[in-house]
Amino acid sequence: KGGSEGDEKFYEARITWSRPLNGELSFNASASYEHSEFDEDDRTDDTYLLNTSLGYNFAANARAFMSYTFQVQDSTSDDENFTENSVTIGFTASY
């Protein structure tokens, strides 16, 4: 996937894998790479992202999940470099 927005030109590649572990528990994983070029700033960013998650269905309308995300951005501008680790725990319900 690629395109442009404002002064940014980018392309991204993503792969996703999902697997039910049993009737209530599921596992998801994804990885992506994005390359961005910013004309006005004369800057290039490469962003790498890995995500895994476990989901548990309590009922047809209620689900709990936990996910871990690791993201690194390597930029030609030192101010735009970062590494992020995050854990998210949540619960969703619909009525």
Protein backbone atom coordinates (compact mmCIF):
# COMPACT_ATOMS: atom_id res chain seq x y z
CA LYS A 1 0.00 0.00 0.00
CA GLY A 2 1.35 3.43 -0.78
CA GLY A 3 0.35 6.97 -1.42
CA SER A 4 0.91 10.54 -0.41
CA GLU A 5 -0.57 13.00 2.06
CA GLY A 6 0.59 16.60 2.24
CA ASP A 7 4.36 16.58 1.74
CA GLU A 8 4.63 12.88 2.77
CA LYS A 9 5.09 10.04 0.29
CA PHE A 10 4.86 6.59 1.84
CA TYR A 11 4.47 2.89 1.32
CA GLU A 12 3.60 0.19 3.83
CA ALA A 13 3.71 -3.59 3.94
CA ARG A 14 1.76 -5.57 6.55
CA ILE A 15 1.26 -9.21 7.40
CA THR A 16 -1.36 -10.52 9.84
CA TRP A 17 -1.97 -13.98 11.24
CA SER A 18 -4.90 -15.11 13.42
CA ARG A 19 -5.60 -18.45 15.01
CA PRO A 20 -8.36 -19.70 17.31
CA LEU A 21 -6.77 -21.62 20.19
CA ASN A 22 -10.06 -23.07 21.40
CA GLY A 23 -13.71 -22.04 21.38
CA GLU A 24 -13.18 -18.93 23.52
CA LEU A 25 -9.48 -18.05 23.16
CA SER A 26 -7.82 -16.57 20.06
CA PHE A 27 -4.32 -15.40 19.12
CA ASN A 28 -3.45 -12.63 16.65
CA ALA A 29 -0.10 -11.40 15.39
CA SER A 30 0.89 -8.72 12.93
CA ALA A 31 4.04 -7.08 11.62
CA SER A 32 4.41 -4.02 9.44
CA TYR A 33 7.01 -1.80 7.83
CA GLU A 34 6.38 1.76 6.66
CA HIS A 35 8.77 3.97 4.68
CA SER A 36 7.95 7.70 4.61
CA GLU A 37 9.64 10.57 2.81
CA PHE A 38 8.89 14.18 3.81
CA ASP A 39 9.87 16.65 1.08
CA GLU A 40 9.60 19.86 3.12
CA ASP A 41 11.73 18.52 6.00
CA ASP A 42 14.13 16.54 3.77
CA ARG A 43 13.46 13.65 6.15
CA THR A 44 13.01 9.89 5.73
CA ASP A 45 11.41 7.62 8.36
CA ASP A 46 11.39 3.83 8.53
CA THR A 47 8.88 2.45 11.04
CA TYR A 48 8.75 -1.19 12.17
CA LEU A 49 5.85 -2.55 14.23
CA LEU A 50 5.18 -5.95 15.83
CA ASN A 51 1.95 -6.75 17.67
CA THR A 52 0.61 -9.86 19.39
CA SER A 53 -2.68 -10.27 21.22
CA LEU A 54 -4.79 -12.82 23.04
CA GLY A 55 -8.56 -12.50 23.13
CA TYR A 56 -11.05 -14.33 25.31
CA ASN A 57 -14.78 -14.40 24.47
CA PHE A 58 -16.87 -14.50 27.66
CA ALA A 59 -20.13 -14.46 25.71
CA ALA A 60 -21.37 -13.61 22.23
CA ASN A 61 -21.28 -9.92 23.15
CA ALA A 62 -18.39 -9.70 25.68
CA ARG A 63 -14.65 -10.05 25.07
CA ALA A 64 -11.45 -9.41 27.05
CA PHE A 65 -8.07 -8.95 25.41
CA MET A 66 -4.41 -8.31 26.10
CA SER A 67 -1.95 -7.08 23.50
CA TYR A 68 1.74 -6.27 23.31
CA THR A 69 3.16 -3.83 20.75
CA PHE A 70 6.78 -3.09 19.90
CA GLN A 71 7.46 -0.20 17.54
CA VAL A 72 10.70 1.41 16.34
CA GLN A 73 11.03 4.47 14.14
CA ASP A 74 14.41 5.13 12.52
CA SER A 75 14.55 8.64 11.05
CA THR A 76 17.14 10.81 9.35
CA SER A 77 16.08 13.44 11.93
CA ASP A 78 17.25 12.44 15.43
CA ASP A 79 14.24 14.17 17.02
CA GLU A 80 11.90 11.72 15.23
CA ASN A 81 13.61 8.48 16.37
CA PHE A 82 11.78 6.43 19.00
CA THR A 83 11.27 2.96 20.45
CA GLU A 84 7.96 2.06 22.05
CA ASN A 85 6.85 -0.95 24.09
CA SER A 86 3.23 -1.07 25.19
CA VAL A 87 0.85 -3.50 26.84
CA THR A 88 -2.88 -2.96 26.52
CA ILE A 89 -5.54 -4.80 28.52
CA GLY A 90 -9.17 -4.23 27.73
CA PHE A 91 -12.74 -5.41 27.78
CA THR A 92 -15.39 -4.84 25.13
CA ALA A 93 -19.11 -5.43 25.28
CA SER A 94 -21.94 -4.70 22.85
CA TYR A 95 -25.66 -4.63 23.47
